Amino acid sequence: MSKIAAEKVREFRAEAKFQRTSPQKAKLVLDTIKGMRVEQALNTIHFSTKRIAPVVEKVLRSAIQNANYLSQEQGLDVDVDNLYVRTAVANEGPRMKRIRPAPMGRAFRYQRRIAHIIVTVAEKKPLTPAIAATPKAPAAKTKGKPAAKKAAAKKAPAKKAAKKTAAKKAAAK
């Protein structure tokens, strides 16, 4: 456990602030790339038809370059091919208040929304033998429980069938 705590996963992030789109629309694109490998996420964004997709692609490329630059600058061993999108968030920025002319000299107020887009990438580490061994133990315990339930389910119809045959014999006499 101490080795796992000592190995800190490095995150690299990039931000695009004051983007002229609503956070709700930006989240539609960001939710599609969460958890994907960087290469696959870039392909997904590239073929997206949303208007904010090029901005999200630019932010993702910036996060990748930040990872590349910081790994060289600090001497870290970061493999760019193993990067994945850890978080992709669109926060709300300040709203611009605008006025639209309305009938009979009146004016309607409306708000233009602004989003701050933040993308974080991290390196996916291969599983170490200590980590890989732990999930196997609980899986062995769960195998016994469903088998017991299945055996009980098989016995129940057999009892009912025995009662029915006894009832048929009694009716026949």
C-alpha atoms as a PDB file:
ATOM      1  CA  MET A   1       0.000   0.000   0.000  1.00  0.00           C
ATOM      2  CA  SER A   2       2.849   2.414   0.689  1.00  0.00           C
ATOM      3  CA  LYS A   3       4.170   2.026  -2.857  1.00  0.00           C
ATOM      4  CA  ILE A   4       0.778   2.918  -4.302  1.00  0.00           C
ATOM      5  CA  ALA A   5       0.572   6.082  -2.195  1.00  0.00           C
ATOM      6  CA  ALA A   6       4.132   7.024  -3.155  1.00  0.00           C
ATOM      7  CA  GLU A   7       3.389   6.788  -6.893  1.00  0.00           C
ATOM      8  CA  LYS A   8       1.460   9.985  -7.528  1.00  0.00           C
ATOM      9  CA  VAL A   9      -0.283  10.213 -10.894  1.00  0.00           C
ATOM     10  CA  ARG A  10       0.667  13.482 -12.582  1.00  0.00           C
ATOM     11  CA  GLU A  11      -2.108  15.522 -14.146  1.00  0.00           C
ATOM     12  CA  PHE A  12      -1.640  18.092 -16.867  1.00  0.00           C
ATOM     13  CA  ARG A  13      -4.327  20.651 -17.589  1.00  0.00           C
ATOM     14  CA  ALA A  14      -5.270  23.365 -20.018  1.00  0.00           C
ATOM     15  CA  GLU A  15      -7.973  26.016 -19.864  1.00  0.00           C
ATOM     16  CA  ALA A  16      -9.875  28.125 -22.354  1.00  0.00           C
ATOM     17  CA  LYS A  17     -11.639  30.950 -20.551  1.00  0.00           C
ATOM     18  CA  PHE A  18     -14.442  33.248 -21.710  1.00  0.00           C
ATOM     19  CA  GLN A  19     -15.643  31.110 -24.610  1.00  0.00           C
ATOM     20  CA  ARG A  20     -18.825  32.440 -26.229  1.00  0.00           C
ATOM     21  CA  THR A  21     -21.002  29.385 -25.736  1.00  0.00           C
ATOM     22  CA  SER A  22     -23.205  28.142 -22.948  1.00  0.00           C
ATOM     23  CA  PRO A  23     -21.622  25.634 -20.569  1.00  0.00           C
ATOM     24  CA  GLN A  24     -24.474  23.231 -21.318  1.00  0.00           C
ATOM     25  CA  LYS A  25     -23.543  23.099 -25.012  1.00  0.00           C
ATOM     26  CA  ALA A  26     -19.845  22.701 -24.234  1.00  0.00           C
ATOM     27  CA  LYS A  27     -20.590  19.818 -21.842  1.00  0.00           C
ATOM     28  CA  LEU A  28     -22.198  17.865 -24.689  1.00  0.00           C
ATOM     29  CA  VAL A  29     -18.801  17.657 -26.415  1.00  0.00           C
ATOM     30  CA  LEU A  30     -16.766  17.260 -23.218  1.00  0.00           C
ATOM     31  CA  ASP A  31     -18.860  14.348 -21.949  1.00  0.00           C
ATOM     32  CA  THR A  32     -18.124  12.380 -25.124  1.00  0.00           C
ATOM     33  CA  ILE A  33     -14.348  12.471 -24.531  1.00  0.00           C
ATOM     34  CA  LYS A  34     -14.182  11.879 -20.757  1.00  0.00           C
ATOM     35  CA  GLY A  35     -12.146   8.784 -19.932  1.00  0.00           C
ATOM     36  CA  MET A  36     -10.971   8.234 -23.519  1.00  0.00           C
ATOM     37  CA  ARG A  37      -7.390   7.841 -24.594  1.00  0.00           C
ATOM     38  CA  VAL A  38      -6.028  11.091 -26.012  1.00  0.00           C
ATOM     39  CA  GLU A  39      -5.676   9.817 -29.566  1.00  0.00           C
ATOM     40  CA  GLN A  40      -9.238   8.490 -29.643  1.00  0.00           C
ATOM     41  CA  ALA A  41     -10.576  11.694 -28.048  1.00  0.00           C
ATOM     42  CA  LEU A  42      -8.918  13.837 -30.734  1.00  0.00           C
ATOM     43  CA  ASN A  43     -10.523  11.724 -33.469  1.00  0.00           C
ATOM     44  CA  THR A  44     -13.920  11.974 -31.796  1.00  0.00           C
ATOM     45  CA  ILE A  45     -13.730  15.749 -31.469  1.00  0.00           C
ATOM     46  CA  HIS A  46     -12.381  16.195 -34.992  1.00  0.00           C
ATOM     47  CA  PHE A  47     -15.495  14.583 -36.491  1.00  0.00           C
ATOM     48  CA  SER A  48     -17.966  16.277 -34.139  1.00  0.00           C
ATOM     49  CA  THR A  49     -20.477  18.652 -35.738  1.00  0.00           C
ATOM     50  CA  LYS A  50     -20.811  20.929 -32.711  1.00  0.00           C
ATOM     51  CA  ARG A  51     -19.632  24.537 -33.055  1.00  0.00           C
ATOM     52  CA  ILE A  52     -17.547  24.379 -29.863  1.00  0.00           C
ATOM     53  CA  ALA A  53     -15.688  21.196 -30.945  1.00  0.00           C
ATOM     54  CA  PRO A  54     -12.666  23.018 -32.508  1.00  0.00           C
ATOM     55  CA  VAL A  55     -12.176  24.978 -29.279  1.00  0.00           C
ATOM     56  CA  VAL A  56     -12.302  21.788 -27.204  1.00  0.00           C
ATOM     57  CA  GLU A  57      -9.814  20.170 -29.609  1.00  0.00           C
ATOM     58  CA  LYS A  58      -7.458  23.122 -29.171  1.00  0.00           C
ATOM     59  CA  VAL A  59      -7.683  22.869 -25.379  1.00  0.00           C
ATOM     60  CA  LEU A  60      -7.039  19.112 -25.481  1.00  0.00           C
ATOM     61  CA  ARG A  61      -3.992  19.590 -27.725  1.00  0.00           C
ATOM     62  CA  SER A  62      -2.740  22.265 -25.322  1.00  0.00           C
ATOM     63  CA  ALA A  63      -3.072  19.859 -22.363  1.00  0.00           C
ATOM     64  CA  ILE A  64      -1.093  17.234 -24.306  1.00  0.00           C
ATOM     65  CA  GLN A  65       1.632  19.772 -25.086  1.00  0.00           C
ATOM     66  CA  ASN A  66       1.689  20.832 -21.423  1.00  0.00           C
ATOM     67  CA  ALA A  67       2.298  17.197 -20.480  1.00  0.00           C
ATOM     68  CA  ASN A  68       5.051  16.900 -23.074  1.00  0.00           C
ATOM     69  CA  TYR A  69       6.723  20.154 -22.038  1.00  0.00           C
ATOM     70  CA  LEU A  70       6.573  19.517 -18.288  1.00  0.00           C
ATOM     71  CA  SER A  71       7.879  15.982 -18.697  1.00  0.00           C
ATOM     72  CA  GLN A  72      10.938  17.332 -20.524  1.00  0.00           C
ATOM     73  CA  GLU A  73      11.362  20.311 -18.208  1.00  0.00           C
ATOM     74  CA  GLN A  74      11.116  18.373 -14.937  1.00  0.00           C
ATOM     75  CA  GLY A  75      12.714  15.186 -16.200  1.00  0.00           C
ATOM     76  CA  LEU A  76       9.572  13.098 -15.707  1.00  0.00           C
ATOM     77  CA  ASP A  77       9.038   9.885 -17.617  1.00  0.00           C
ATOM     78  CA  VAL A  78       5.653  10.626 -19.230  1.00  0.00           C
ATOM     79  CA  ASP A  79       4.571   8.571 -22.230  1.00  0.00           C
ATOM     80  CA  VAL A  80       2.277  10.742 -24.359  1.00  0.00           C
ATOM     81  CA  ASP A  81       0.749   7.624 -25.947  1.00  0.00           C
ATOM     82  CA  ASN A  82      -0.538   6.476 -22.524  1.00  0.00           C
ATOM     83  CA  LEU A  83      -2.339   9.740 -21.739  1.00  0.00           C
ATOM     84  CA  TYR A  84      -6.098   9.755 -21.253  1.00  0.00           C
ATOM     85  CA  VAL A  85      -8.663  12.482 -20.576  1.00  0.00           C
ATOM     86  CA  ARG A  86      -9.127  12.430 -16.822  1.00  0.00           C
ATOM     87  CA  THR A  87     -11.535  15.339 -16.479  1.00  0.00           C
ATOM     88  CA  ALA A  88     -13.259  17.622 -18.957  1.00  0.00           C
ATOM     89  CA  VAL A  89     -15.357  20.390 -17.415  1.00  0.00           C
ATOM     90  CA  ALA A  90     -17.208  23.462 -18.652  1.00  0.00           C
ATOM     91  CA  ASN A  91     -17.767  25.969 -15.861  1.00  0.00           C
ATOM     92  CA  GLU A  92     -19.970  29.006 -16.132  1.00  0.00           C
ATOM     93  CA  GLY A  93     -18.333  32.375 -16.631  1.00  0.00           C
ATOM     94  CA  PRO A  94     -19.793  35.860 -16.269  1.00  0.00           C
ATOM     95  CA  ARG A  95     -23.010  36.516 -18.141  1.00  0.00           C
ATOM     96  CA  MET A  96     -23.380  39.384 -20.571  1.00  0.00           C
ATOM     97  CA  LYS A  97     -26.654  41.254 -20.080  1.00  0.00           C
ATOM     98  CA  ARG A  98     -28.238  42.365 -23.347  1.00  0.00           C
ATOM     99  CA  ILE A  99     -31.452  44.128 -24.347  1.00  0.00           C
ATOM    100  CA  ARG A 100     -33.694  43.153 -27.279  1.00  0.00           C
ATOM    101  CA  PRO A 101     -36.199  45.659 -28.670  1.00  0.00           C
ATOM    102  CA  ALA A 102     -39.797  44.654 -28.020  1.00  0.00           C
ATOM    103  CA  PRO A 103     -43.140  45.931 -29.350  1.00  0.00           C
ATOM    104  CA  MET A 104     -44.555  49.290 -28.306  1.00  0.00           C
ATOM    105  CA  GLY A 105     -41.213  50.779 -27.280  1.00  0.00           C
ATOM    106  CA  ARG A 106     -40.480  48.200 -24.622  1.00  0.00           C
ATOM    107  CA  ALA A 107     -37.279  46.174 -24.195  1.00  0.00           C
ATOM    108  CA  PHE A 108     -36.705  42.557 -23.204  1.00  0.00           C
ATOM    109  CA  ARG A 109     -33.586  41.608 -21.290  1.00  0.00           C
ATOM    110  CA  TYR A 110     -31.661  38.432 -22.049  1.00  0.00           C
ATOM    111  CA  GLN A 111     -28.302  36.974 -21.063  1.00  0.00           C
ATOM    112  CA  ARG A 112     -25.441  35.703 -23.188  1.00  0.00           C
ATOM    113  CA  ARG A 113     -23.696  32.848 -21.408  1.00  0.00           C
ATOM    114  CA  ILE A 114     -19.939  32.307 -21.304  1.00  0.00           C
ATOM    115  CA  ALA A 115     -18.051  29.083 -20.498  1.00  0.00           C
ATOM    116  CA  HIS A 116     -14.650  28.303 -19.035  1.00  0.00           C
ATOM    117  CA  ILE A 117     -13.441  24.983 -20.505  1.00  0.00           C
ATOM    118  CA  ILE A 118     -10.938  22.931 -18.480  1.00  0.00           C
ATOM    119  CA  VAL A 119      -9.399  19.668 -19.727  1.00  0.00           C
ATOM    120  CA  THR A 120      -7.110  17.513 -17.573  1.00  0.00           C
ATOM    121  CA  VAL A 121      -5.061  14.613 -18.943  1.00  0.00           C
ATOM    122  CA  ALA A 122      -3.157  12.016 -16.930  1.00  0.00           C
ATOM    123  CA  GLU A 123      -0.991   9.030 -17.698  1.00  0.00           C
ATOM    124  CA  LYS A 124      -2.598   5.617 -17.430  1.00  0.00           C
ATOM    125  CA  LYS A 125      -0.197   3.412 -15.487  1.00  0.00           C
ATOM    126  CA  PRO A 126      -0.073  -0.330 -16.172  1.00  0.00           C
ATOM    127  CA  LEU A 127      -1.341  -2.432 -13.300  1.00  0.00           C
ATOM    128  CA  THR A 128       1.335  -3.603 -10.892  1.00  0.00           C
ATOM    129  CA  PRO A 129       1.234  -7.219  -9.629  1.00  0.00           C
ATOM    130  CA  ALA A 130       0.189  -6.074  -6.131  1.00  0.00           C
ATOM    131  CA  ILE A 131      -2.811  -4.204  -7.499  1.00  0.00           C
ATOM    132  CA  ALA A 132      -3.752  -6.932  -9.981  1.00  0.00           C
ATOM    133  CA  ALA A 133      -3.857  -9.603  -7.236  1.00  0.00           C
ATOM    134  CA  THR A 134      -6.387  -7.795  -5.029  1.00  0.00           C
ATOM    135  CA  PRO A 135      -9.475  -7.951  -7.302  1.00  0.00           C
ATOM    136  CA  LYS A 136      -9.153 -11.736  -7.684  1.00  0.00           C
ATOM    137  CA  ALA A 137      -9.846 -12.510  -4.003  1.00  0.00           C
ATOM    138  CA  PRO A 138     -13.331 -10.879  -3.813  1.00  0.00           C
ATOM    139  CA  ALA A 139     -14.291 -12.431  -7.156  1.00  0.00           C
ATOM    140  CA  ALA A 140     -13.682 -15.929  -5.733  1.00  0.00           C
ATOM    141  CA  LYS A 141     -16.017 -15.206  -2.813  1.00  0.00           C
ATOM    142  CA  THR A 142     -18.840 -13.991  -5.045  1.00  0.00           C
ATOM    143  CA  LYS A 143     -18.726 -17.115  -7.195  1.00  0.00           C
ATOM    144  CA  GLY A 144     -19.960 -19.256  -4.309  1.00  0.00           C
ATOM    145  CA  LYS A 145     -23.025 -17.086  -3.544  1.00  0.00           C
ATOM    146  CA  PRO A 146     -24.747 -17.228  -6.952  1.00  0.00           C
ATOM    147  CA  ALA A 147     -24.171 -20.988  -7.139  1.00  0.00           C
ATOM    148  CA  ALA A 148     -26.046 -21.423  -3.845  1.00  0.00           C
ATOM    149  CA  LYS A 149     -28.958 -19.331  -5.123  1.00  0.00           C
ATOM    150  CA  LYS A 150     -29.173 -21.372  -8.325  1.00  0.00           C
ATOM    151  CA  ALA A 151     -29.213 -24.643  -6.388  1.00  0.00           C
ATOM    152  CA  ALA A 152     -32.053 -23.372  -4.180  1.00  0.00           C
ATOM    153  CA  ALA A 153     -34.025 -22.268  -7.226  1.00  0.00           C
ATOM    154  CA  LYS A 154     -33.722 -25.729  -8.787  1.00  0.00           C
ATOM    155  CA  LYS A 155     -34.997 -27.500  -5.656  1.00  0.00           C
ATOM    156  CA  ALA A 156     -38.164 -25.399  -5.363  1.00  0.00           C
ATOM    157  CA  PRO A 157     -39.803 -26.535  -8.652  1.00  0.00           C
ATOM    158  CA  ALA A 158     -38.964 -30.182  -7.858  1.00  0.00           C
ATOM    159  CA  LYS A 159     -40.999 -30.011  -4.607  1.00  0.00           C
ATOM    160  CA  LYS A 160     -43.969 -28.500  -6.402  1.00  0.00           C
ATOM    161  CA  ALA A 161     -43.825 -31.214  -9.035  1.00  0.00           C
ATOM    162  CA  ALA A 162     -43.840 -33.889  -6.312  1.00  0.00           C
ATOM    163  CA  LYS A 163     -46.934 -32.321  -4.676  1.00  0.00           C
ATOM    164  CA  LYS A 164     -48.751 -32.202  -8.017  1.00  0.00           C
ATOM    165  CA  THR A 165     -48.092 -35.885  -8.747  1.00  0.00           C
ATOM    166  CA  ALA A 166     -49.315 -36.815  -5.241  1.00  0.00           C
ATOM    167  CA  ALA A 167     -52.489 -34.768  -5.784  1.00  0.00           C
ATOM    168  CA  LYS A 168     -53.114 -36.440  -9.167  1.00  0.00           C
ATOM    169  CA  LYS A 169     -52.747 -39.928  -7.622  1.00  0.00           C
ATOM    170  CA  ALA A 170     -55.214 -39.040  -4.841  1.00  0.00           C
ATOM    171  CA  ALA A 171     -57.720 -37.713  -7.379  1.00  0.00           C
ATOM    172  CA  ALA A 172     -57.372 -40.841  -9.508  1.00  0.00           C
ATOM    173  CA  LYS A 173     -58.342 -43.139  -6.540  1.00  0.00           C
END
